[in-house]
Amino acid sequence: MEGKKILQEVFFKCRNSIYPRSSNISRFPVPDDKTDWRIHWKEYNPAVYTDSSVFGKPWADGDSDDLKAQWNTLDGKVNRVSYTGVYNIVDNLPQNPMGRTGLRGRGCLGRWGPNHAADPIVTRWKRSELGTVIKSKVDLPILQFVAIQRRDCKEWAIPGGMVDPGENVSATLLREFLEEALNNLQQSHAEAEETLKRFFSKGIEIYKGPVDDPRNTDHSWMETVAVNFHDEDGSVVAKLPFQAGDDACNVRWMDLNSDIQLYASHKDFLQQVVTLHKASW
């Protein structure tokens, strides 16, 4: 099951709101019928905003005036290729392929253009104390996933994170799960870490593409690869000692159902996982 199709044609969480981590940076109002760059809109005049927290950081690009990037390609170790294909460059800056967001600049994202992340979706069947798989009212098994509560916005999410320059996405998936859900296993759990490495060597790609992230701007946007790792008999992940990492304030198993509220496009990813496993939703 490959996730090549964009989850939704029009993004919502990255429009018509106060920009995250700011108190007064408002987006220019963008109605659904004005998101497409091909639609002429002379009144469109959003603010330019790049958060001071990304200036001078080794993992971030420089200011737009000093930027000398190789767009739509591998720029040294920095991957500037979008999963959507070739994106437009306007006034030496990349244009968000998903359309207008109501804000120019880089916001709090490190890279101009695509910012690549990886989201490990770790699942198991919900079981009773006797080990029996619990079913819902519609007689379908209930699926659970490892969820973290983000420290920055307090929303629940998949324990994912950014792909480091030159890093393979598969390595990112394991690293982020270790950091966010297990707070990096202590030395005494070296055997458990080896078990996890084997577990993470086999997964099913759920989605690859841009995401409706509240940090997106006209010039910087999030893209991800979401991969499902399913613990069918509960013998691998269920035994591990969960502990929230630096970017999370809580971690737990969460039931999957249509009422859950999650960060960015994470609910869409999980709905596809439910379909894959023929579970209750």
C-alpha atoms as a PDB file:
ATOM      1  CA  MET A   1       0.000   0.000   0.000  1.00  0.00           C
ATOM      2  CA  GLU A   2       1.843   3.088  -1.181  1.00  0.00           C
ATOM      3  CA  GLY A   3       0.955   6.579  -0.042  1.00  0.00           C
ATOM      4  CA  LYS A   4       1.523   8.563  -3.205  1.00  0.00           C
ATOM      5  CA  LYS A   5      -1.864  10.272  -3.275  1.00  0.00           C
ATOM      6  CA  ILE A   6      -2.091  13.601  -1.443  1.00  0.00           C
ATOM      7  CA  LEU A   7      -4.498  13.191   1.452  1.00  0.00           C
ATOM      8  CA  GLN A   8      -6.599  16.250   0.676  1.00  0.00           C
ATOM      9  CA  GLU A   9      -6.736  18.761  -2.130  1.00  0.00           C
ATOM     10  CA  VAL A  10      -7.107  21.839   0.114  1.00  0.00           C
ATOM     11  CA  PHE A  11      -5.221  22.239   3.395  1.00  0.00           C
ATOM     12  CA  PHE A  12      -6.927  23.897   6.368  1.00  0.00           C
ATOM     13  CA  LYS A  13      -4.680  23.833   9.449  1.00  0.00           C
ATOM     14  CA  CYS A  14      -2.057  26.025   7.767  1.00  0.00           C
ATOM     15  CA  ARG A  15      -4.532  28.798   6.857  1.00  0.00           C
ATOM     16  CA  ASN A  16      -6.666  31.482   8.557  1.00  0.00           C
ATOM     17  CA  SER A  17      -5.098  31.334  12.006  1.00  0.00           C
ATOM     18  CA  ILE A  18      -2.485  32.819  14.326  1.00  0.00           C
ATOM     19  CA  TYR A  19       0.895  31.347  13.439  1.00  0.00           C
ATOM     20  CA  PRO A  20       2.104  28.786  16.031  1.00  0.00           C
ATOM     21  CA  ARG A  21       4.665  29.871  18.621  1.00  0.00           C
ATOM     22  CA  SER A  22       3.669  33.494  18.063  1.00  0.00           C
ATOM     23  CA  SER A  23       1.075  35.681  19.762  1.00  0.00           C
ATOM     24  CA  ASN A  24       0.288  38.201  17.065  1.00  0.00           C
ATOM     25  CA  ILE A  25       1.341  36.878  13.644  1.00  0.00           C
ATOM     26  CA  SER A  26      -1.943  36.553  11.777  1.00  0.00           C
ATOM     27  CA  ARG A  27      -2.264  34.917   8.379  1.00  0.00           C
ATOM     28  CA  PHE A  28      -3.831  36.756   5.473  1.00  0.00           C
ATOM     29  CA  PRO A  29      -7.338  35.212   5.116  1.00  0.00           C
ATOM     30  CA  VAL A  30      -7.328  32.694   2.253  1.00  0.00           C
ATOM     31  CA  PRO A  31     -10.686  31.186   1.199  1.00  0.00           C
ATOM     32  CA  ASP A  32     -10.785  27.676  -0.260  1.00  0.00           C
ATOM     33  CA  ASP A  33     -11.274  28.955  -3.792  1.00  0.00           C
ATOM     34  CA  LYS A  34      -8.160  31.167  -3.638  1.00  0.00           C
ATOM     35  CA  THR A  35      -5.547  28.649  -2.488  1.00  0.00           C
ATOM     36  CA  ASP A  36      -4.425  27.680  -6.009  1.00  0.00           C
ATOM     37  CA  TRP A  37      -1.525  29.820  -7.240  1.00  0.00           C
ATOM     38  CA  ARG A  38      -2.925  29.670 -10.771  1.00  0.00           C
ATOM     39  CA  ILE A  39      -5.871  31.806  -9.670  1.00  0.00           C
ATOM     40  CA  HIS A  40      -5.039  35.490 -10.095  1.00  0.00           C
ATOM     41  CA  TRP A  41      -5.534  37.403  -6.857  1.00  0.00           C
ATOM     42  CA  LYS A  42      -4.006  40.879  -6.882  1.00  0.00           C
ATOM     43  CA  GLU A  43      -5.248  41.661  -3.356  1.00  0.00           C
ATOM     44  CA  TYR A  44      -3.186  38.877  -1.828  1.00  0.00           C
ATOM     45  CA  ASN A  45      -0.604  40.565   0.407  1.00  0.00           C
ATOM     46  CA  PRO A  46       0.420  38.405   3.391  1.00  0.00           C
ATOM     47  CA  ALA A  47       2.950  39.350   6.034  1.00  0.00           C
ATOM     48  CA  VAL A  48       6.529  38.054   5.930  1.00  0.00           C
ATOM     49  CA  TYR A  49       7.564  36.165   9.038  1.00  0.00           C
ATOM     50  CA  THR A  50      10.528  34.038  10.064  1.00  0.00           C
ATOM     51  CA  ASP A  51      10.791  33.191  13.748  1.00  0.00           C
ATOM     52  CA  SER A  52      13.966  34.343  15.469  1.00  0.00           C
ATOM     53  CA  SER A  53      14.440  30.848  16.913  1.00  0.00           C
ATOM     54  CA  VAL A  54      15.677  29.507  13.559  1.00  0.00           C
ATOM     55  CA  PHE A  55      18.258  32.209  12.847  1.00  0.00           C
ATOM     56  CA  GLY A  56      21.847  30.994  12.977  1.00  0.00           C
ATOM     57  CA  LYS A  57      20.950  27.401  13.791  1.00  0.00           C
ATOM     58  CA  PRO A  58      23.213  24.732  12.207  1.00  0.00           C
ATOM     59  CA  TRP A  59      20.165  22.726  11.076  1.00  0.00           C
ATOM     60  CA  ALA A  60      18.512  25.721   9.371  1.00  0.00           C
ATOM     61  CA  ASP A  61      18.937  27.710   6.162  1.00  0.00           C
ATOM     62  CA  GLY A  62      20.099  31.288   6.175  1.00  0.00           C
ATOM     63  CA  ASP A  63      18.154  34.426   5.407  1.00  0.00           C
ATOM     64  CA  SER A  64      16.477  34.652   2.000  1.00  0.00           C
ATOM     65  CA  ASP A  65      18.784  37.508   0.932  1.00  0.00           C
ATOM     66  CA  ASP A  66      21.862  35.306   1.372  1.00  0.00           C
ATOM     67  CA  LEU A  67      20.312  32.081   0.140  1.00  0.00           C
ATOM     68  CA  LYS A  68      22.153  30.166  -2.583  1.00  0.00           C
ATOM     69  CA  ALA A  69      20.279  26.889  -2.797  1.00  0.00           C
ATOM     70  CA  GLN A  70      19.956  24.243  -5.466  1.00  0.00           C
ATOM     71  CA  TRP A  71      16.209  23.810  -5.684  1.00  0.00           C
ATOM     72  CA  ASN A  72      14.365  20.608  -6.633  1.00  0.00           C
ATOM     73  CA  THR A  73      17.462  18.474  -6.129  1.00  0.00           C
ATOM     74  CA  LEU A  74      19.854  17.131  -3.507  1.00  0.00           C
ATOM     75  CA  ASP A  75      21.696  20.258  -2.396  1.00  0.00           C
ATOM     76  CA  GLY A  76      24.820  18.794  -0.782  1.00  0.00           C
ATOM     77  CA  LYS A  77      23.294  16.700   2.005  1.00  0.00           C
ATOM     78  CA  VAL A  78      20.098  18.758   2.151  1.00  0.00           C
ATOM     79  CA  ASN A  79      17.210  17.145   0.296  1.00  0.00           C
ATOM     80  CA  ARG A  80      15.282  19.897  -1.507  1.00  0.00           C
ATOM     81  CA  VAL A  81      13.200  17.491  -3.592  1.00  0.00           C
ATOM     82  CA  SER A  82       9.437  17.518  -3.038  1.00  0.00           C
ATOM     83  CA  TYR A  83       7.364  14.356  -3.111  1.00  0.00           C
ATOM     84  CA  THR A  84       4.846  16.317  -5.200  1.00  0.00           C
ATOM     85  CA  GLY A  85       7.320  16.767  -8.058  1.00  0.00           C
ATOM     86  CA  VAL A  86       8.937  19.981  -9.302  1.00  0.00           C
ATOM     87  CA  TYR A  87       7.821  23.088  -7.411  1.00  0.00           C
ATOM     88  CA  ASN A  88       8.002  26.629  -8.776  1.00  0.00           C
ATOM     89  CA  ILE A  89      10.680  29.158  -7.855  1.00  0.00           C
ATOM     90  CA  VAL A  90       9.398  32.740  -7.682  1.00  0.00           C
ATOM     91  CA  ASP A  91      11.764  35.624  -6.845  1.00  0.00           C
ATOM     92  CA  ASN A  92      14.444  33.054  -5.905  1.00  0.00           C
ATOM     93  CA  LEU A  93      12.152  31.407  -3.332  1.00  0.00           C
ATOM     94  CA  PRO A  94      10.254  28.107  -3.548  1.00  0.00           C
ATOM     95  CA  GLN A  95       6.474  28.253  -3.832  1.00  0.00           C
ATOM     96  CA  ASN A  96       4.399  25.921  -1.679  1.00  0.00           C
ATOM     97  CA  PRO A  97       2.923  23.365  -4.140  1.00  0.00           C
ATOM     98  CA  MET A  98      -0.228  23.026  -2.001  1.00  0.00           C
ATOM     99  CA  GLY A  99      -1.110  26.674  -2.499  1.00  0.00           C
ATOM    100  CA  ARG A 100      -1.411  29.905  -0.538  1.00  0.00           C
ATOM    101  CA  THR A 101      -1.170  29.798   3.253  1.00  0.00           C
ATOM    102  CA  GLY A 102      -1.613  33.491   4.098  1.00  0.00           C
ATOM    103  CA  LEU A 103       1.972  33.948   5.285  1.00  0.00           C
ATOM    104  CA  ARG A 104       5.300  34.467   3.539  1.00  0.00           C
ATOM    105  CA  GLY A 105       8.727  33.725   4.952  1.00  0.00           C
ATOM    106  CA  ARG A 106       9.901  30.581   6.696  1.00  0.00           C
ATOM    107  CA  GLY A 107       7.907  30.751   9.934  1.00  0.00           C
ATOM    108  CA  CYS A 108       9.558  28.429  12.451  1.00  0.00           C
ATOM    109  CA  LEU A 109      10.681  25.854   9.890  1.00  0.00           C
ATOM    110  CA  GLY A 110      14.362  25.249   9.294  1.00  0.00           C
ATOM    111  CA  ARG A 111      14.379  24.973   5.507  1.00  0.00           C
ATOM    112  CA  TRP A 112      13.062  27.032   2.668  1.00  0.00           C
ATOM    113  CA  GLY A 113      10.987  24.697   0.512  1.00  0.00           C
ATOM    114  CA  PRO A 114      10.270  21.136   1.668  1.00  0.00           C
ATOM    115  CA  ASN A 115      11.106  20.200   5.254  1.00  0.00           C
ATOM    116  CA  HIS A 116      11.292  16.416   5.378  1.00  0.00           C
ATOM    117  CA  ALA A 117      10.002  14.393   8.322  1.00  0.00           C
ATOM    118  CA  ALA A 118       9.280  10.749   9.094  1.00  0.00           C
ATOM    119  CA  ASP A 119       6.333   9.414  11.113  1.00  0.00           C
ATOM    120  CA  PRO A 120       6.539   5.898  12.604  1.00  0.00           C
ATOM    121  CA  ILE A 121       3.015   4.567  13.255  1.00  0.00           C
ATOM    122  CA  VAL A 122       3.442   1.757  15.773  1.00  0.00           C
ATOM    123  CA  THR A 123       0.266  -0.280  16.316  1.00  0.00           C
ATOM    124  CA  ARG A 124      -1.060  -3.267  18.233  1.00  0.00           C
ATOM    125  CA  TRP A 125      -4.451  -4.861  18.908  1.00  0.00           C
ATOM    126  CA  LYS A 126      -6.253  -3.763  22.054  1.00  0.00           C
ATOM    127  CA  ARG A 127      -6.444  -6.775  24.361  1.00  0.00           C
ATOM    128  CA  SER A 128      -8.136  -7.762  27.602  1.00  0.00           C
ATOM    129  CA  GLU A 129      -6.188  -8.886  30.673  1.00  0.00           C
ATOM    130  CA  LEU A 130      -6.583 -12.440  29.382  1.00  0.00           C
ATOM    131  CA  GLY A 131      -4.982 -11.514  26.071  1.00  0.00           C
ATOM    132  CA  THR A 132      -8.154 -11.630  23.981  1.00  0.00           C
ATOM    133  CA  VAL A 133      -8.456  -9.014  21.211  1.00  0.00           C
ATOM    134  CA  ILE A 134     -11.194  -6.532  22.149  1.00  0.00           C
ATOM    135  CA  LYS A 135     -13.787  -5.680  19.523  1.00  0.00           C
ATOM    136  CA  SER A 136     -15.988  -2.624  19.060  1.00  0.00           C
ATOM    137  CA  LYS A 137     -19.775  -2.422  18.890  1.00  0.00           C
ATOM    138  CA  VAL A 138     -19.586  -3.151  15.159  1.00  0.00           C
ATOM    139  CA  ASP A 139     -17.710  -6.399  15.885  1.00  0.00           C
ATOM    140  CA  LEU A 140     -14.358  -5.213  14.494  1.00  0.00           C
ATOM    141  CA  PRO A 141     -11.061  -5.416  16.409  1.00  0.00           C
ATOM    142  CA  ILE A 142      -9.831  -2.202  18.037  1.00  0.00           C
ATOM    143  CA  LEU A 143      -6.406  -0.974  16.973  1.00  0.00           C
ATOM    144  CA  GLN A 144      -4.131   1.091  19.231  1.00  0.00           C
ATOM    145  CA  PHE A 145      -1.112   3.230  18.332  1.00  0.00           C
ATOM    146  CA  VAL A 146       1.742   4.791  20.272  1.00  0.00           C
ATOM    147  CA  ALA A 147       0.860   8.469  20.711  1.00  0.00           C
ATOM    148  CA  ILE A 148       2.887  11.304  22.179  1.00  0.00           C
ATOM    149  CA  GLN A 149       1.619  14.622  23.475  1.00  0.00           C
ATOM    150  CA  ARG A 150       3.658  17.380  21.862  1.00  0.00           C
ATOM    151  CA  ARG A 151       5.280  19.757  24.323  1.00  0.00           C
ATOM    152  CA  ASP A 152       4.887  22.828  22.081  1.00  0.00           C
ATOM    153  CA  CYS A 153       1.121  22.712  21.440  1.00  0.00           C
ATOM    154  CA  LYS A 154      -0.084  19.923  23.794  1.00  0.00           C
ATOM    155  CA  GLU A 155      -1.764  18.100  20.880  1.00  0.00           C
ATOM    156  CA  TRP A 156      -1.492  14.320  20.584  1.00  0.00           C
ATOM    157  CA  ALA A 157       0.521  13.065  17.635  1.00  0.00           C
ATOM    158  CA  ILE A 158       2.544  10.297  16.022  1.00  0.00           C
ATOM    159  CA  PRO A 159       6.078  10.295  17.529  1.00  0.00           C
ATOM    160  CA  GLY A 160       7.821  11.535  14.387  1.00  0.00           C
ATOM    161  CA  GLY A 161      10.436  14.131  13.599  1.00  0.00           C
ATOM    162  CA  MET A 162      12.762  15.688  11.068  1.00  0.00           C
ATOM    163  CA  VAL A 163      15.080  13.767   8.751  1.00  0.00           C
ATOM    164  CA  ASP A 164      18.663  14.857   9.364  1.00  0.00           C
ATOM    165  CA  PRO A 165      20.780  15.894   6.339  1.00  0.00           C
ATOM    166  CA  GLY A 166      22.134  12.770   4.664  1.00  0.00           C
ATOM    167  CA  GLU A 167      20.051  10.479   6.877  1.00  0.00           C
ATOM    168  CA  ASN A 168      18.061   7.578   5.462  1.00  0.00           C
ATOM    169  CA  VAL A 169      14.334   7.839   6.238  1.00  0.00           C
ATOM    170  CA  SER A 170      14.311   4.325   7.714  1.00  0.00           C
ATOM    171  CA  ALA A 171      16.939   5.431  10.244  1.00  0.00           C
ATOM    172  CA  THR A 172      14.859   8.507  11.104  1.00  0.00           C
ATOM    173  CA  LEU A 173      11.795   6.374  11.824  1.00  0.00           C
ATOM    174  CA  LEU A 174      13.629   4.301  14.435  1.00  0.00           C
ATOM    175  CA  ARG A 175      15.555   7.241  15.900  1.00  0.00           C
ATOM    176  CA  GLU A 176      12.459   9.376  16.387  1.00  0.00           C
ATOM    177  CA  PHE A 177      10.527   6.567  18.029  1.00  0.00           C
ATOM    178  CA  LEU A 178      13.416   5.931  20.412  1.00  0.00           C
ATOM    179  CA  GLU A 179      13.734   9.650  21.214  1.00  0.00           C
ATOM    180  CA  GLU A 180      10.064  10.588  21.504  1.00  0.00           C
ATOM    181  CA  ALA A 181       8.363   7.499  22.930  1.00  0.00           C
ATOM    182  CA  LEU A 182      11.186   5.762  24.790  1.00  0.00           C
ATOM    183  CA  ASN A 183      13.423   8.741  25.679  1.00  0.00           C
ATOM    184  CA  ASN A 184      16.306   6.695  24.256  1.00  0.00           C
ATOM    185  CA  LEU A 185      16.615   3.285  25.874  1.00  0.00           C
ATOM    186  CA  GLN A 186      19.133   3.100  28.713  1.00  0.00           C
ATOM    187  CA  GLN A 187      22.197   0.898  28.351  1.00  0.00           C
ATOM    188  CA  SER A 188      20.445  -1.833  30.340  1.00  0.00           C
ATOM    189  CA  HIS A 189      17.883  -2.091  27.563  1.00  0.00           C
ATOM    190  CA  ALA A 190      20.391  -2.730  24.762  1.00  0.00           C
ATOM    191  CA  GLU A 191      18.730  -6.049  23.949  1.00  0.00           C
ATOM    192  CA  ALA A 192      15.354  -4.314  23.626  1.00  0.00           C
ATOM    193  CA  GLU A 193      16.895  -1.778  21.236  1.00  0.00           C
ATOM    194  CA  GLU A 194      18.193  -4.576  19.016  1.00  0.00           C
ATOM    195  CA  THR A 195      14.712  -6.119  19.012  1.00  0.00           C
ATOM    196  CA  LEU A 196      13.293  -2.753  17.959  1.00  0.00           C
ATOM    197  CA  LYS A 197      15.799  -2.452  15.121  1.00  0.00           C
ATOM    198  CA  ARG A 198      14.580  -5.752  13.732  1.00  0.00           C
ATOM    199  CA  PHE A 199      10.962  -4.696  14.262  1.00  0.00           C
ATOM    200  CA  PHE A 200      11.555  -1.406  12.408  1.00  0.00           C
ATOM    201  CA  SER A 201      13.252  -3.143   9.492  1.00  0.00           C
ATOM    202  CA  LYS A 202       9.846  -4.163   8.150  1.00  0.00           C
ATOM    203  CA  GLY A 203       7.042  -1.664   7.742  1.00  0.00           C
ATOM    204  CA  ILE A 204       4.287  -0.668   5.338  1.00  0.00           C
ATOM    205  CA  GLU A 205       4.412   2.788   3.789  1.00  0.00           C
ATOM    206  CA  ILE A 206       1.127   4.569   4.419  1.00  0.00           C
ATOM    207  CA  TYR A 207       1.788   8.010   2.982  1.00  0.00           C
ATOM    208  CA  LYS A 208       4.527  10.037   1.315  1.00  0.00           C
ATOM    209  CA  GLY A 209       3.897  13.706   0.563  1.00  0.00           C
ATOM    210  CA  PRO A 210       3.069  17.171   1.962  1.00  0.00           C
ATOM    211  CA  VAL A 211       1.091  17.500   5.181  1.00  0.00           C
ATOM    212  CA  ASP A 212      -1.383  20.049   6.480  1.00  0.00           C
ATOM    213  CA  ASP A 213       0.936  21.348   9.179  1.00  0.00           C
ATOM    214  CA  PRO A 214       0.154  24.604  11.067  1.00  0.00           C
ATOM    215  CA  ARG A 215       3.790  25.701  10.557  1.00  0.00           C
ATOM    216  CA  ASN A 216       3.532  25.775   6.747  1.00  0.00           C
ATOM    217  CA  THR A 217       4.036  29.038   4.864  1.00  0.00           C
ATOM    218  CA  ASP A 218       4.035  30.107   1.223  1.00  0.00           C
ATOM    219  CA  HIS A 219       7.777  29.412   1.069  1.00  0.00           C
ATOM    220  CA  SER A 220       8.318  26.558   3.564  1.00  0.00           C
ATOM    221  CA  TRP A 221       6.266  23.447   4.133  1.00  0.00           C
ATOM    222  CA  MET A 222       6.305  20.052   5.814  1.00  0.00           C
ATOM    223  CA  GLU A 223       6.458  16.747   3.936  1.00  0.00           C
ATOM    224  CA  THR A 224       6.620  13.304   5.487  1.00  0.00           C
ATOM    225  CA  VAL A 225       6.877   9.574   5.007  1.00  0.00           C
ATOM    226  CA  ALA A 226       4.455   7.735   7.307  1.00  0.00           C
ATOM    227  CA  VAL A 227       5.177   4.036   7.848  1.00  0.00           C
ATOM    228  CA  ASN A 228       3.157   1.513   9.863  1.00  0.00           C
ATOM    229  CA  PHE A 229       4.936  -1.004  12.093  1.00  0.00           C
ATOM    230  CA  HIS A 230       2.390  -3.446  13.461  1.00  0.00           C
ATOM    231  CA  ASP A 231       3.017  -5.637  16.536  1.00  0.00           C
ATOM    232  CA  GLU A 232       0.539  -8.374  15.628  1.00  0.00           C
ATOM    233  CA  ASP A 233       0.848 -10.521  18.759  1.00  0.00           C
ATOM    234  CA  GLY A 234       1.957  -7.767  21.164  1.00  0.00           C
ATOM    235  CA  SER A 235       5.313  -9.431  21.817  1.00  0.00           C
ATOM    236  CA  VAL A 236       7.632  -6.557  20.840  1.00  0.00           C
ATOM    237  CA  VAL A 237       6.547  -2.996  21.614  1.00  0.00           C
ATOM    238  CA  ALA A 238       3.989  -3.819  24.328  1.00  0.00           C
ATOM    239  CA  LYS A 239       6.783  -4.836  26.719  1.00  0.00           C
ATOM    240  CA  LEU A 240       8.880  -1.692  26.360  1.00  0.00           C
ATOM    241  CA  PRO A 241       9.083   1.028  29.072  1.00  0.00           C
ATOM    242  CA  PHE A 242       7.484   4.117  27.526  1.00  0.00           C
ATOM    243  CA  GLN A 243       8.940   7.452  28.574  1.00  0.00           C
ATOM    244  CA  ALA A 244       8.335  10.778  26.841  1.00  0.00           C
ATOM    245  CA  GLY A 245      11.355  12.441  25.235  1.00  0.00           C
ATOM    246  CA  ASP A 246      12.376  16.118  25.226  1.00  0.00           C
ATOM    247  CA  ASP A 247       9.824  17.183  22.602  1.00  0.00           C
ATOM    248  CA  ALA A 248       6.961  15.300  24.265  1.00  0.00           C
ATOM    249  CA  CYS A 249       5.310  15.653  27.662  1.00  0.00           C
ATOM    250  CA  ASN A 250       3.373  12.370  27.628  1.00  0.00           C
ATOM    251  CA  VAL A 251       3.258   9.043  25.782  1.00  0.00           C
ATOM    252  CA  ARG A 252       0.691   6.239  25.797  1.00  0.00           C
ATOM    253  CA  TRP A 253      -1.234   3.698  23.776  1.00  0.00           C
ATOM    254  CA  MET A 254      -4.300   5.345  22.233  1.00  0.00           C
ATOM    255  CA  ASP A 255      -7.382   3.667  20.756  1.00  0.00           C
ATOM    256  CA  LEU A 256      -8.005   4.424  17.103  1.00  0.00           C
ATOM    257  CA  ASN A 257     -11.470   5.739  16.291  1.00  0.00           C
ATOM    258  CA  SER A 258     -13.103   8.505  14.292  1.00  0.00           C
ATOM    259  CA  ASP A 259     -13.393  10.810  17.354  1.00  0.00           C
ATOM    260  CA  ILE A 260      -9.674  11.247  18.019  1.00  0.00           C
ATOM    261  CA  GLN A 261      -8.197  14.722  17.522  1.00  0.00           C
ATOM    262  CA  LEU A 262      -4.568  14.775  16.441  1.00  0.00           C
ATOM    263  CA  TYR A 263      -1.837  17.124  15.239  1.00  0.00           C
ATOM    264  CA  ALA A 264      -1.548  18.123  11.558  1.00  0.00           C
ATOM    265  CA  SER A 265      -2.584  15.333   9.120  1.00  0.00           C
ATOM    266  CA  HIS A 266      -1.946  12.494  11.570  1.00  0.00           C
ATOM    267  CA  LYS A 267      -5.590  11.428  11.829  1.00  0.00           C
ATOM    268  CA  ASP A 268      -5.674  10.908   8.054  1.00  0.00           C
ATOM    269  CA  PHE A 269      -2.625   8.632   8.234  1.00  0.00           C
ATOM    270  CA  LEU A 270      -4.193   6.566  11.000  1.00  0.00           C
ATOM    271  CA  GLN A 271      -7.472   6.177   9.166  1.00  0.00           C
ATOM    272  CA  GLN A 272      -5.515   4.551   6.346  1.00  0.00           C
ATOM    273  CA  VAL A 273      -3.832   2.232   8.868  1.00  0.00           C
ATOM    274  CA  VAL A 274      -7.244   1.193  10.200  1.00  0.00           C
ATOM    275  CA  THR A 275      -8.366   0.385   6.661  1.00  0.00           C
ATOM    276  CA  LEU A 276      -5.197  -1.602   6.055  1.00  0.00           C
ATOM    277  CA  HIS A 277      -5.773  -3.821   9.109  1.00  0.00           C
ATOM    278  CA  LYS A 278      -9.570  -3.996   8.728  1.00  0.00           C
ATOM    279  CA  ALA A 279      -9.995  -2.575  12.224  1.00  0.00           C
ATOM    280  CA  SER A 280     -12.747  -0.596  13.900  1.00  0.00           C
ATOM    281  CA  TRP A 281     -13.028   3.127  13.179  1.00  0.00           C
END
